Amino acid sequence: MQSIQNLIDSAVLDPDEKGGLRWPFGKASSGNRYNVVGVWHTMSSAYENSSIRLKVRHADRIDFRTTYGEASKEVFLKLKGIVSGLMDVETKGILDLLEDNLSLIWQHFLRCEPFLT
């Protein structure tokens, strides 16, 4: 367990590196038993009300074995009650709920006018 802790403790925060971390020369392994094979750093925010859950995440990751890395901005959207509403016979109510949720998303997250003026 101490070998893993030493490996973690030797990591250096570096925003210029893919994954946001780097290891000094010779410190990316510990005792020929553990090696760093990848790094994944995320920052996320979640927004929720009674009918919607929105999670926004910035992910910075690298796989040292393939030297493939990427930074991405990801959005996860969950519309609560939509599936159960679709199973009901009343489609007017579900269409109104869907329209209200999409309007909320547009007004608060997707509209670009404030950034263009």
PDB file of N, CA and C in Angstrom:
ATOM      1  N   MET A   1       0.818  -1.187   0.000  1.00  0.00           N
ATOM      2  CA  MET A   1       0.000   0.000   0.000  1.00  0.00           C
ATOM      3  C   MET A   1       0.871   1.264   0.000  1.00  0.00           C
ATOM      4  N   GLN A   2       1.998   1.198   0.681  1.00  0.00           N
ATOM      5  CA  GLN A   2       2.895   2.345   0.737  1.00  0.00           C
ATOM      6  C   GLN A   2       3.445   2.675  -0.647  1.00  0.00           C
ATOM      7  N   SER A   3       3.656   1.655  -1.495  1.00  0.00           N
ATOM      8  CA  SER A   3       4.155   1.888  -2.854  1.00  0.00           C
ATOM      9  C   SER A   3       3.175   2.721  -3.664  1.00  0.00           C
ATOM     10  N   ILE A   4       1.890   2.419  -3.523  1.00  0.00           N
ATOM     11  CA  ILE A   4       0.870   3.198  -4.240  1.00  0.00           C
ATOM     12  C   ILE A   4       0.839   4.623  -3.714  1.00  0.00           C
ATOM     13  N   GLN A   5       0.924   4.784  -2.390  1.00  0.00           N
ATOM     14  CA  GLN A   5       0.910   6.120  -1.796  1.00  0.00           C
ATOM     15  C   GLN A   5       2.115   6.933  -2.261  1.00  0.00           C
ATOM     16  N   ASN A   6       3.288   6.314  -2.351  1.00  0.00           N
ATOM     17  CA  ASN A   6       4.485   7.007  -2.846  1.00  0.00           C
ATOM     18  C   ASN A   6       4.302   7.451  -4.289  1.00  0.00           C
ATOM     19  N   LEU A   7       3.672   6.609  -5.087  1.00  0.00           N
ATOM     20  CA  LEU A   7       3.408   6.936  -6.489  1.00  0.00           C
ATOM     21  C   LEU A   7       2.475   8.142  -6.598  1.00  0.00           C
ATOM     22  N   ILE A   8       1.434   8.152  -5.791  1.00  0.00           N
ATOM     23  CA  ILE A   8       0.485   9.273  -5.792  1.00  0.00           C
ATOM     24  C   ILE A   8       1.160  10.543  -5.293  1.00  0.00           C
ATOM     25  N   ASP A   9       1.936  10.422  -4.218  1.00  0.00           N
ATOM     26  CA  ASP A   9       2.597  11.592  -3.633  1.00  0.00           C
ATOM     27  C   ASP A   9       3.637  12.212  -4.559  1.00  0.00           C
ATOM     28  N   SER A  10       4.209  11.433  -5.474  1.00  0.00           N
ATOM     29  CA  SER A  10       5.239  11.975  -6.358  1.00  0.00           C
ATOM     30  C   SER A  10       4.655  12.721  -7.565  1.00  0.00           C
ATOM     31  N   ALA A  11       3.336  12.659  -7.755  1.00  0.00           N
ATOM     32  CA  ALA A  11       2.701  13.369  -8.875  1.00  0.00           C
ATOM     33  C   ALA A  11       2.834  14.878  -8.689  1.00  0.00           C
ATOM     34  N   VAL A  12       3.043  15.572  -9.801  1.00  0.00           N
ATOM     35  CA  VAL A  12       3.187  17.029  -9.796  1.00  0.00           C
ATOM     36  C   VAL A  12       2.063  17.616 -10.643  1.00  0.00           C
ATOM     37  N   LEU A  13       1.316  18.569 -10.072  1.00  0.00           N
ATOM     38  CA  LEU A  13       0.276  19.253 -10.842  1.00  0.00           C
ATOM     39  C   LEU A  13       0.922  20.090 -11.929  1.00  0.00           C
ATOM     40  N   ASP A  14       0.468  19.910 -13.162  1.00  0.00           N
ATOM     41  CA  ASP A  14       1.019  20.647 -14.296  1.00  0.00           C
ATOM     42  C   ASP A  14      -0.090  20.865 -15.321  1.00  0.00           C
ATOM     43  N   PRO A  15      -0.678  22.075 -15.359  1.00  0.00           N
ATOM     44  CA  PRO A  15      -1.790  22.323 -16.283  1.00  0.00           C
ATOM     45  C   PRO A  15      -1.395  22.240 -17.752  1.00  0.00           C
ATOM     46  N   ASP A  16      -0.096  22.278 -18.052  1.00  0.00           N
ATOM     47  CA  ASP A  16       0.340  22.181 -19.448  1.00  0.00           C
ATOM     48  C   ASP A  16       0.415  20.736 -19.939  1.00  0.00           C
ATOM     49  N   GLU A  17       0.346  19.781 -19.033  1.00  0.00           N
ATOM     50  CA  GLU A  17       0.394  18.363 -19.397  1.00  0.00           C
ATOM     51  C   GLU A  17      -1.014  17.836 -19.633  1.00  0.00           C
ATOM     52  N   LYS A  18      -1.141  16.915 -20.581  1.00  0.00           N
ATOM     53  CA  LYS A  18      -2.423  16.240 -20.760  1.00  0.00           C
ATOM     54  C   LYS A  18      -2.718  15.460 -19.489  1.00  0.00           C
ATOM     55  N   GLY A  19      -3.932  15.576 -19.022  1.00  0.00           N
ATOM     56  CA  GLY A  19      -4.302  14.928 -17.772  1.00  0.00           C
ATOM     57  C   GLY A  19      -4.051  15.797 -16.557  1.00  0.00           C
ATOM     58  N   GLY A  20      -3.251  16.861 -16.709  1.00  0.00           N
ATOM     59  CA  GLY A  20      -3.012  17.800 -15.621  1.00  0.00           C
ATOM     60  C   GLY A  20      -1.979  17.356 -14.599  1.00  0.00           C
ATOM     61  N   LEU A  21      -1.394  16.178 -14.794  1.00  0.00           N
ATOM     62  CA  LEU A  21      -0.387  15.674 -13.860  1.00  0.00           C
ATOM     63  C   LEU A  21       0.828  15.171 -14.623  1.00  0.00           C
ATOM     64  N   ARG A  22       1.975  15.216 -13.952  1.00  0.00           N
ATOM     65  CA  ARG A  22       3.178  14.600 -14.509  1.00  0.00           C
ATOM     66  C   ARG A  22       3.971  14.028 -13.346  1.00  0.00           C
ATOM     67  N   TRP A  23       4.881  13.135 -13.679  1.00  0.00           N
ATOM     68  CA  TRP A  23       5.739  12.528 -12.672  1.00  0.00           C
ATOM     69  C   TRP A  23       7.179  12.843 -13.016  1.00  0.00           C
ATOM     70  N   PRO A  24       8.011  13.185 -12.021  1.00  0.00           N
ATOM     71  CA  PRO A  24       9.431  13.400 -12.281  1.00  0.00           C
ATOM     72  C   PRO A  24      10.058  12.132 -12.859  1.00  0.00           C
ATOM     73  N   PHE A  25      11.175  12.314 -13.554  1.00  0.00           N
ATOM     74  CA  PHE A  25      11.856  11.193 -14.203  1.00  0.00           C
ATOM     75  C   PHE A  25      12.113  10.068 -13.195  1.00  0.00           C
ATOM     76  N   GLY A  26      11.684   8.869 -13.555  1.00  0.00           N
ATOM     77  CA  GLY A  26      11.899   7.709 -12.704  1.00  0.00           C
ATOM     78  C   GLY A  26      10.876   7.517 -11.604  1.00  0.00           C
ATOM     79  N   LYS A  27       9.914   8.421 -11.480  1.00  0.00           N
ATOM     80  CA  LYS A  27       8.938   8.326 -10.393  1.00  0.00           C
ATOM     81  C   LYS A  27       7.561   7.853 -10.867  1.00  0.00           C
ATOM     82  N   ALA A  28       7.419   7.501 -12.153  1.00  0.00           N
ATOM     83  CA  ALA A  28       6.123   7.058 -12.675  1.00  0.00           C
ATOM     84  C   ALA A  28       5.890   5.573 -12.424  1.00  0.00           C
ATOM     85  N   SER A  29       6.773   4.959 -11.662  1.00  0.00           N
ATOM     86  CA  SER A  29       6.569   3.568 -11.261  1.00  0.00           C
ATOM     87  C   SER A  29       7.067   3.425  -9.830  1.00  0.00           C
ATOM     88  N   SER A  30       6.637   2.353  -9.195  1.00  0.00           N
ATOM     89  CA  SER A  30       7.030   2.149  -7.807  1.00  0.00           C
ATOM     90  C   SER A  30       7.378   0.684  -7.584  1.00  0.00           C
ATOM     91  N   GLY A  31       8.651   0.426  -7.357  1.00  0.00           N
ATOM     92  CA  GLY A  31       9.111  -0.903  -7.000  1.00  0.00           C
ATOM     93  C   GLY A  31       8.838  -1.984  -8.028  1.00  0.00           C
ATOM     94  N   ASN A  32       8.878  -1.662  -9.299  1.00  0.00           N
ATOM     95  CA  ASN A  32       8.606  -2.627 -10.372  1.00  0.00           C
ATOM     96  C   ASN A  32       7.268  -3.342 -10.202  1.00  0.00           C
ATOM     97  N   ARG A  33       6.400  -2.766  -9.392  1.00  0.00           N
ATOM     98  CA  ARG A  33       5.108  -3.403  -9.157  1.00  0.00           C
ATOM     99  C   ARG A  33       3.958  -2.561  -9.676  1.00  0.00           C
ATOM    100  N   TYR A  34       4.036  -1.264  -9.530  1.00  0.00           N
ATOM    101  CA  TYR A  34       2.964  -0.362  -9.946  1.00  0.00           C
ATOM    102  C   TYR A  34       3.504   0.650 -10.938  1.00  0.00           C
ATOM    103  N   ASN A  35       2.747   0.884 -12.006  1.00  0.00           N
ATOM    104  CA  ASN A  35       3.097   1.889 -13.012  1.00  0.00           C
ATOM    105  C   ASN A  35       1.894   2.782 -13.256  1.00  0.00           C
ATOM    106  N   VAL A  36       2.154   4.038 -13.547  1.00  0.00           N
ATOM    107  CA  VAL A  36       1.087   4.946 -13.947  1.00  0.00           C
ATOM    108  C   VAL A  36       0.800   4.673 -15.420  1.00  0.00           C
ATOM    109  N   VAL A  37      -0.432   4.310 -15.732  1.00  0.00           N
ATOM    110  CA  VAL A  37      -0.792   4.014 -17.123  1.00  0.00           C
ATOM    111  C   VAL A  37      -1.744   5.050 -17.700  1.00  0.00           C
ATOM    112  N   GLY A  38      -2.301   5.897 -16.851  1.00  0.00           N
ATOM    113  CA  GLY A  38      -3.195   6.926 -17.361  1.00  0.00           C
ATOM    114  C   GLY A  38      -3.598   7.889 -16.265  1.00  0.00           C
ATOM    115  N   VAL A  39      -4.054   9.044 -16.705  1.00  0.00           N
ATOM    116  CA  VAL A  39      -4.498  10.087 -15.784  1.00  0.00           C
ATOM    117  C   VAL A  39      -5.818  10.627 -16.309  1.00  0.00           C
ATOM    118  N   TRP A  40      -6.733  10.891 -15.405  1.00  0.00           N
ATOM    119  CA  TRP A  40      -8.034  11.440 -15.763  1.00  0.00           C
ATOM    120  C   TRP A  40      -8.370  12.492 -14.725  1.00  0.00           C
ATOM    121  N   HIS A  41      -8.520  13.730 -15.156  1.00  0.00           N
ATOM    122  CA  HIS A  41      -8.849  14.836 -14.259  1.00  0.00           C
ATOM    123  C   HIS A  41     -10.149  15.458 -14.736  1.00  0.00           C
ATOM    124  N   THR A  42     -11.121  15.593 -13.844  1.00  0.00           N
ATOM    125  CA  THR A  42     -12.408  16.170 -14.238  1.00  0.00           C
ATOM    126  C   THR A  42     -12.821  17.266 -13.274  1.00  0.00           C
ATOM    127  N   MET A  43     -13.561  18.214 -13.810  1.00  0.00           N
ATOM    128  CA  MET A  43     -14.240  19.234 -13.021  1.00  0.00           C
ATOM    129  C   MET A  43     -15.685  19.230 -13.502  1.00  0.00           C
ATOM    130  N   SER A  44     -16.629  19.165 -12.575  1.00  0.00           N
ATOM    131  CA  SER A  44     -18.019  19.090 -13.003  1.00  0.00           C
ATOM    132  C   SER A  44     -18.913  19.945 -12.123  1.00  0.00           C
ATOM    133  N   SER A  45     -20.034  20.339 -12.711  1.00  0.00           N
ATOM    134  CA  SER A  45     -21.087  21.066 -12.011  1.00  0.00           C
ATOM    135  C   SER A  45     -22.404  20.404 -12.369  1.00  0.00           C
ATOM    136  N   ALA A  46     -23.308  20.349 -11.401  1.00  0.00           N
ATOM    137  CA  ALA A  46     -24.616  19.746 -11.648  1.00  0.00           C
ATOM    138  C   ALA A  46     -25.703  20.747 -11.287  1.00  0.00           C
ATOM    139  N   TYR A  47     -26.741  20.766 -12.104  1.00  0.00           N
ATOM    140  CA  TYR A  47     -27.894  21.631 -11.901  1.00  0.00           C
ATOM    141  C   TYR A  47     -29.131  20.747 -11.925  1.00  0.00           C
ATOM    142  N   GLU A  48     -30.075  21.032 -11.020  1.00  0.00           N
ATOM    143  CA  GLU A  48     -31.232  20.149 -10.920  1.00  0.00           C
ATOM    144  C   GLU A  48     -32.450  20.925 -10.434  1.00  0.00           C
ATOM    145  N   ASN A  49     -33.613  20.577 -11.001  1.00  0.00           N
ATOM    146  CA  ASN A  49     -34.889  21.015 -10.451  1.00  0.00           C
ATOM    147  C   ASN A  49     -35.824  19.817 -10.462  1.00  0.00           C
ATOM    148  N   SER A  50     -37.107  20.030 -10.307  1.00  0.00           N
ATOM    149  CA  SER A  50     -38.032  18.900 -10.173  1.00  0.00           C
ATOM    150  C   SER A  50     -38.166  18.074 -11.444  1.00  0.00           C
ATOM    151  N   SER A  51     -37.841  18.627 -12.603  1.00  0.00           N
ATOM    152  CA  SER A  51     -38.061  17.872 -13.837  1.00  0.00           C
ATOM    153  C   SER A  51     -36.821  17.707 -14.713  1.00  0.00           C
ATOM    154  N   ILE A  52     -35.677  18.251 -14.288  1.00  0.00           N
ATOM    155  CA  ILE A  52     -34.490  18.187 -15.137  1.00  0.00           C
ATOM    156  C   ILE A  52     -33.231  18.069 -14.282  1.00  0.00           C
ATOM    157  N   ARG A  53     -32.257  17.345 -14.785  1.00  0.00           N
ATOM    158  CA  ARG A  53     -30.927  17.286 -14.163  1.00  0.00           C
ATOM    159  C   ARG A  53     -29.909  17.477 -15.276  1.00  0.00           C
ATOM    160  N   LEU A  54     -29.027  18.443 -15.088  1.00  0.00           N
ATOM    161  CA  LEU A  54     -28.013  18.769 -16.081  1.00  0.00           C
ATOM    162  C   LEU A  54     -26.651  18.706 -15.399  1.00  0.00           C
ATOM    163  N   LYS A  55     -25.736  17.950 -15.991  1.00  0.00           N
ATOM    164  CA  LYS A  55     -24.380  17.850 -15.461  1.00  0.00           C
ATOM    165  C   LYS A  55     -23.414  18.274 -16.557  1.00  0.00           C
ATOM    166  N   VAL A  56     -22.558  19.226 -16.239  1.00  0.00           N
ATOM    167  CA  VAL A  56     -21.563  19.739 -17.177  1.00  0.00           C
ATOM    168  C   VAL A  56     -20.196  19.340 -16.639  1.00  0.00           C
ATOM    169  N   ARG A  57     -19.375  18.745 -17.500  1.00  0.00           N
ATOM    170  CA  ARG A  57     -18.084  18.239 -17.041  1.00  0.00           C
ATOM    171  C   ARG A  57     -16.989  18.599 -18.041  1.00  0.00           C
ATOM    172  N   HIS A  58     -15.856  19.041 -17.506  1.00  0.00           N
ATOM    173  CA  HIS A  58     -14.650  19.224 -18.307  1.00  0.00           C
ATOM    174  C   HIS A  58     -13.714  18.083 -17.918  1.00  0.00           C
ATOM    175  N   ALA A  59     -13.347  17.272 -18.887  1.00  0.00           N
ATOM    176  CA  ALA A  59     -12.484  16.118 -18.628  1.00  0.00           C
ATOM    177  C   ALA A  59     -11.178  16.276 -19.397  1.00  0.00           C
ATOM    178  N   ASP A  60     -10.090  16.006 -18.725  1.00  0.00           N
ATOM    179  CA  ASP A  60      -8.756  16.051 -19.316  1.00  0.00           C
ATOM    180  C   ASP A  60      -8.114  14.707 -19.013  1.00  0.00           C
ATOM    181  N   ARG A  61      -7.830  13.918 -20.046  1.00  0.00           N
ATOM    182  CA  ARG A  61      -7.351  12.560 -19.815  1.00  0.00           C
ATOM    183  C   ARG A  61      -6.232  12.177 -20.772  1.00  0.00           C
ATOM    184  N   ILE A  62      -5.403  11.249 -20.324  1.00  0.00           N
ATOM    185  CA  ILE A  62      -4.343  10.708 -21.179  1.00  0.00           C
ATOM    186  C   ILE A  62      -4.099   9.246 -20.796  1.00  0.00           C
ATOM    187  N   ASP A  63      -3.838   8.447 -21.805  1.00  0.00           N
ATOM    188  CA  ASP A  63      -3.444   7.049 -21.630  1.00  0.00           C
ATOM    189  C   ASP A  63      -1.963   6.977 -21.995  1.00  0.00           C
ATOM    190  N   PHE A  64      -1.102   6.725 -21.023  1.00  0.00           N
ATOM    191  CA  PHE A  64       0.342   6.723 -21.258  1.00  0.00           C
ATOM    192  C   PHE A  64       0.797   5.555 -22.128  1.00  0.00           C
ATOM    193  N   ARG A  65       0.024   4.463 -22.152  1.00  0.00           N
ATOM    194  CA  ARG A  65       0.415   3.314 -22.970  1.00  0.00           C
ATOM    195  C   ARG A  65       0.309   3.638 -24.454  1.00  0.00           C
ATOM    196  N   THR A  66      -0.732   4.380 -24.831  1.00  0.00           N
ATOM    197  CA  THR A  66      -0.933   4.718 -26.245  1.00  0.00           C
ATOM    198  C   THR A  66      -0.513   6.145 -26.549  1.00  0.00           C
ATOM    199  N   THR A  67      -0.172   6.913 -25.530  1.00  0.00           N
ATOM    200  CA  THR A  67       0.128   8.349 -25.604  1.00  0.00           C
ATOM    201  C   THR A  67      -1.015   9.138 -26.226  1.00  0.00           C
ATOM    202  N   TYR A  68      -2.230   8.626 -26.096  1.00  0.00           N
ATOM    203  CA  TYR A  68      -3.407   9.330 -26.595  1.00  0.00           C
ATOM    204  C   TYR A  68      -4.024  10.115 -25.450  1.00  0.00           C
ATOM    205  N   GLY A  69      -4.232  11.393 -25.686  1.00  0.00           N
ATOM    206  CA  GLY A  69      -4.863  12.230 -24.683  1.00  0.00           C
ATOM    207  C   GLY A  69      -5.902  13.123 -25.313  1.00  0.00           C
ATOM    208  N   GLU A  70      -6.826  13.574 -24.499  1.00  0.00           N
ATOM    209  CA  GLU A  70      -7.853  14.476 -24.997  1.00  0.00           C
ATOM    210  C   GLU A  70      -8.404  15.309 -23.854  1.00  0.00           C
ATOM    211  N   ALA A  71      -8.896  16.454 -24.210  1.00  0.00           N
ATOM    212  CA  ALA A  71      -9.647  17.291 -23.289  1.00  0.00           C
ATOM    213  C   ALA A  71     -11.011  17.483 -23.924  1.00  0.00           C
ATOM    214  N   SER A  72     -12.041  17.347 -23.124  1.00  0.00           N
ATOM    215  CA  SER A  72     -13.382  17.462 -23.692  1.00  0.00           C
ATOM    216  C   SER A  72     -14.314  18.150 -22.716  1.00  0.00           C
ATOM    217  N   LYS A  73     -15.336  18.753 -23.274  1.00  0.00           N
ATOM    218  CA  LYS A  73     -16.422  19.325 -22.489  1.00  0.00           C
ATOM    219  C   LYS A  73     -17.644  18.460 -22.758  1.00  0.00           C
ATOM    220  N   GLU A  74     -18.233  17.952 -21.687  1.00  0.00           N
ATOM    221  CA  GLU A  74     -19.318  16.990 -21.810  1.00  0.00           C
ATOM    222  C   GLU A  74     -20.548  17.499 -21.077  1.00  0.00           C
ATOM    223  N   VAL A  75     -21.713  17.205 -21.638  1.00  0.00           N
ATOM    224  CA  VAL A  75     -22.983  17.595 -21.035  1.00  0.00           C
ATOM    225  C   VAL A  75     -23.863  16.355 -20.937  1.00  0.00           C
ATOM    226  N   PHE A  76     -24.400  16.119 -19.747  1.00  0.00           N
ATOM    227  CA  PHE A  76     -25.328  15.016 -19.520  1.00  0.00           C
ATOM    228  C   PHE A  76     -26.665  15.614 -19.123  1.00  0.00           C
ATOM    229  N   LEU A  77     -27.704  15.213 -19.796  1.00  0.00           N
ATOM    230  CA  LEU A  77     -29.032  15.767 -19.561  1.00  0.00           C
ATOM    231  C   LEU A  77     -29.993  14.640 -19.223  1.00  0.00           C
ATOM    232  N   LYS A  78     -30.693  14.789 -18.127  1.00  0.00           N
ATOM    233  CA  LYS A  78     -31.702  13.804 -17.738  1.00  0.00           C
ATOM    234  C   LYS A  78     -33.016  14.545 -17.532  1.00  0.00           C
ATOM    235  N   LEU A  79     -33.998  14.192 -18.335  1.00  0.00           N
ATOM    236  CA  LEU A  79     -35.332  14.769 -18.205  1.00  0.00           C
ATOM    237  C   LEU A  79     -36.165  13.812 -17.361  1.00  0.00           C
ATOM    238  N   LYS A  80     -36.423  14.193 -16.132  1.00  0.00           N
ATOM    239  CA  LYS A  80     -37.149  13.325 -15.206  1.00  0.00           C
ATOM    240  C   LYS A  80     -38.626  13.266 -15.595  1.00  0.00           C
ATOM    241  N   GLY A  81     -39.181  12.110 -15.562  1.00  0.00           N
ATOM    242  CA  GLY A  81     -40.615  11.949 -15.801  1.00  0.00           C
ATOM    243  C   GLY A  81     -41.019  11.871 -17.254  1.00  0.00           C
ATOM    244  N   ILE A  82     -40.100  12.030 -18.180  1.00  0.00           N
ATOM    245  CA  ILE A  82     -40.448  12.010 -19.603  1.00  0.00           C
ATOM    246  C   ILE A  82     -40.871  10.605 -20.035  1.00  0.00           C
ATOM    247  N   VAL A  83     -40.107   9.589 -19.661  1.00  0.00           N
ATOM    248  CA  VAL A  83     -40.425   8.225 -20.089  1.00  0.00           C
ATOM    249  C   VAL A  83     -41.757   7.773 -19.503  1.00  0.00           C
ATOM    250  N   SER A  84     -41.950   8.002 -18.205  1.00  0.00           N
ATOM    251  CA  SER A  84     -43.225   7.597 -17.607  1.00  0.00           C
ATOM    252  C   SER A  84     -44.376   8.393 -18.198  1.00  0.00           C
ATOM    253  N   GLY A  85     -44.132   9.647 -18.542  1.00  0.00           N
ATOM    254  CA  GLY A  85     -45.173  10.456 -19.180  1.00  0.00           C
ATOM    255  C   GLY A  85     -45.502   9.970 -20.573  1.00  0.00           C
ATOM    256  N   LEU A  86     -44.505   9.493 -21.303  1.00  0.00           N
ATOM    257  CA  LEU A  86     -44.749   8.965 -22.642  1.00  0.00           C
ATOM    258  C   LEU A  86     -45.564   7.675 -22.598  1.00  0.00           C
ATOM    259  N   MET A  87     -45.440   6.942 -21.515  1.00  0.00           N
ATOM    260  CA  MET A  87     -46.199   5.699 -21.386  1.00  0.00           C
ATOM    261  C   MET A  87     -47.667   5.963 -21.059  1.00  0.00           C
ATOM    262  N   ASP A  88     -47.962   7.131 -20.530  1.00  0.00           N
ATOM    263  CA  ASP A  88     -49.354   7.494 -20.259  1.00  0.00           C
ATOM    264  C   ASP A  88     -50.052   7.832 -21.564  1.00  0.00           C
ATOM    265  N   VAL A  89     -51.356   7.814 -21.520  1.00  0.00           N
ATOM    266  CA  VAL A  89     -52.150   8.100 -22.716  1.00  0.00           C
ATOM    267  C   VAL A  89     -52.124   9.585 -23.051  1.00  0.00           C
ATOM    268  N   GLU A  90     -51.998  10.430 -22.036  1.00  0.00           N
ATOM    269  CA  GLU A  90     -52.083  11.875 -22.243  1.00  0.00           C
ATOM    270  C   GLU A  90     -50.765  12.412 -22.805  1.00  0.00           C
ATOM    271  N   THR A  91     -50.714  12.670 -24.103  1.00  0.00           N
ATOM    272  CA  THR A  91     -49.487  13.164 -24.725  1.00  0.00           C
ATOM    273  C   THR A  91     -49.370  14.684 -24.651  1.00  0.00           C
ATOM    274  N   LYS A  92     -50.472  15.373 -24.493  1.00  0.00           N
ATOM    275  CA  LYS A  92     -50.435  16.842 -24.422  1.00  0.00           C
ATOM    276  C   LYS A  92     -49.606  17.294 -23.216  1.00  0.00           C
ATOM    277  N   GLY A  93     -49.812  16.655 -22.076  1.00  0.00           N
ATOM    278  CA  GLY A  93     -49.081  17.028 -20.865  1.00  0.00           C
ATOM    279  C   GLY A  93     -47.585  16.799 -21.003  1.00  0.00           C
ATOM    280  N   ILE A  94     -47.217  15.690 -21.616  1.00  0.00           N
ATOM    281  CA  ILE A  94     -45.791  15.388 -21.772  1.00  0.00           C
ATOM    282  C   ILE A  94     -45.140  16.324 -22.779  1.00  0.00           C
ATOM    283  N   LEU A  95     -45.871  16.704 -23.812  1.00  0.00           N
ATOM    284  CA  LEU A  95     -45.332  17.661 -24.781  1.00  0.00           C
ATOM    285  C   LEU A  95     -45.110  19.018 -24.134  1.00  0.00           C
ATOM    286  N   ASP A  96     -46.037  19.431 -23.272  1.00  0.00           N
ATOM    287  CA  ASP A  96     -45.863  20.695 -22.547  1.00  0.00           C
ATOM    288  C   ASP A  96     -44.641  20.631 -21.626  1.00  0.00           C
ATOM    289  N   LEU A  97     -44.473  19.506 -20.929  1.00  0.00           N
ATOM    290  CA  LEU A  97     -43.327  19.328 -20.035  1.00  0.00           C
ATOM    291  C   LEU A  97     -42.018  19.365 -20.815  1.00  0.00           C
ATOM    292  N   LEU A  98     -41.984  18.692 -21.935  1.00  0.00           N
ATOM    293  CA  LEU A  98     -40.789  18.679 -22.774  1.00  0.00           C
ATOM    294  C   LEU A  98     -40.478  20.074 -23.310  1.00  0.00           C
ATOM    295  N   GLU A  99     -41.499  20.782 -23.745  1.00  0.00           N
ATOM    296  CA  GLU A  99     -41.312  22.147 -24.251  1.00  0.00           C
ATOM    297  C   GLU A  99     -40.795  23.073 -23.156  1.00  0.00           C
ATOM    298  N   ASP A 100     -41.343  22.964 -21.949  1.00  0.00           N
ATOM    299  CA  ASP A 100     -40.885  23.793 -20.829  1.00  0.00           C
ATOM    300  C   ASP A 100     -39.419  23.507 -20.487  1.00  0.00           C
ATOM    301  N   ASN A 101     -39.057  22.228 -20.476  1.00  0.00           N
ATOM    302  CA  ASN A 101     -37.668  21.866 -20.160  1.00  0.00           C
ATOM    303  C   ASN A 101     -36.697  22.357 -21.223  1.00  0.00           C
ATOM    304  N   LEU A 102     -37.058  22.203 -22.486  1.00  0.00           N
ATOM    305  CA  LEU A 102     -36.180  22.678 -23.561  1.00  0.00           C
ATOM    306  C   LEU A 102     -36.059  24.195 -23.545  1.00  0.00           C
ATOM    307  N   SER A 103     -37.128  24.887 -23.212  1.00  0.00           N
ATOM    308  CA  SER A 103     -37.080  26.342 -23.092  1.00  0.00           C
ATOM    309  C   SER A 103     -36.134  26.750 -21.960  1.00  0.00           C
ATOM    310  N   LEU A 104     -36.206  26.052 -20.840  1.00  0.00           N
ATOM    311  CA  LEU A 104     -35.321  26.330 -19.708  1.00  0.00           C
ATOM    312  C   LEU A 104     -33.855  26.118 -20.084  1.00  0.00           C
ATOM    313  N   ILE A 105     -33.577  25.025 -20.775  1.00  0.00           N
ATOM    314  CA  ILE A 105     -32.206  24.738 -21.214  1.00  0.00           C
ATOM    315  C   ILE A 105     -31.722  25.818 -22.170  1.00  0.00           C
ATOM    316  N   TRP A 106     -32.555  26.217 -23.110  1.00  0.00           N
ATOM    317  CA  TRP A 106     -32.181  27.242 -24.082  1.00  0.00           C
ATOM    318  C   TRP A 106     -31.884  28.567 -23.387  1.00  0.00           C
ATOM    319  N   GLN A 107     -32.763  28.993 -22.499  1.00  0.00           N
ATOM    320  CA  GLN A 107     -32.625  30.298 -21.848  1.00  0.00           C
ATOM    321  C   GLN A 107     -31.390  30.377 -20.954  1.00  0.00           C
ATOM    322  N   HIS A 108     -31.051  29.289 -20.288  1.00  0.00           N
ATOM    323  CA  HIS A 108     -29.989  29.362 -19.283  1.00  0.00           C
ATOM    324  C   HIS A 108     -28.655  28.759 -19.704  1.00  0.00           C
ATOM    325  N   PHE A 109     -28.646  27.920 -20.728  1.00  0.00           N
ATOM    326  CA  PHE A 109     -27.400  27.233 -21.045  1.00  0.00           C
ATOM    327  C   PHE A 109     -26.953  27.334 -22.498  1.00  0.00           C
ATOM    328  N   LEU A 110     -27.861  27.480 -23.430  1.00  0.00           N
ATOM    329  CA  LEU A 110     -27.476  27.404 -24.839  1.00  0.00           C
ATOM    330  C   LEU A 110     -27.536  28.733 -25.585  1.00  0.00           C
ATOM    331  N   ARG A 111     -28.248  29.689 -25.074  1.00  0.00           N
ATOM    332  CA  ARG A 111     -28.417  30.948 -25.788  1.00  0.00           C
ATOM    333  C   ARG A 111     -27.089  31.692 -25.858  1.00  0.00           C
ATOM    334  N   CYS A 112     -26.743  32.205 -27.025  1.00  0.00           N
ATOM    335  CA  CYS A 112     -25.429  32.823 -27.238  1.00  0.00           C
ATOM    336  C   CYS A 112     -25.460  34.346 -27.267  1.00  0.00           C
ATOM    337  N   GLU A 113     -26.629  34.973 -27.312  1.00  0.00           N
ATOM    338  CA  GLU A 113     -26.674  36.430 -27.455  1.00  0.00           C
ATOM    339  C   GLU A 113     -25.868  37.182 -26.392  1.00  0.00           C
ATOM    340  N   PRO A 114     -25.906  36.783 -25.099  1.00  0.00           N
ATOM    341  CA  PRO A 114     -25.119  37.533 -24.112  1.00  0.00           C
ATOM    342  C   PRO A 114     -23.621  37.532 -24.405  1.00  0.00           C
ATOM    343  N   PHE A 115     -23.132  36.505 -25.092  1.00  0.00           N
ATOM    344  CA  PHE A 115     -21.706  36.416 -25.385  1.00  0.00           C
ATOM    345  C   PHE A 115     -21.332  37.152 -26.664  1.00  0.00           C
ATOM    346  N   LEU A 116     -22.319  37.439 -27.497  1.00  0.00           N
ATOM    347  CA  LEU A 116     -22.050  38.072 -28.782  1.00  0.00           C
ATOM    348  C   LEU A 116     -22.179  39.590 -28.737  1.00  0.00           C
ATOM    349  N   THR A 117     -22.734  40.137 -27.673  1.00  0.00           N
ATOM    350  CA  THR A 117     -22.913  41.596 -27.592  1.00  0.00           C
ATOM    351  C   THR A 117     -21.907  42.227 -26.674  1.00  0.00           C
TER     352      THR A 117
END
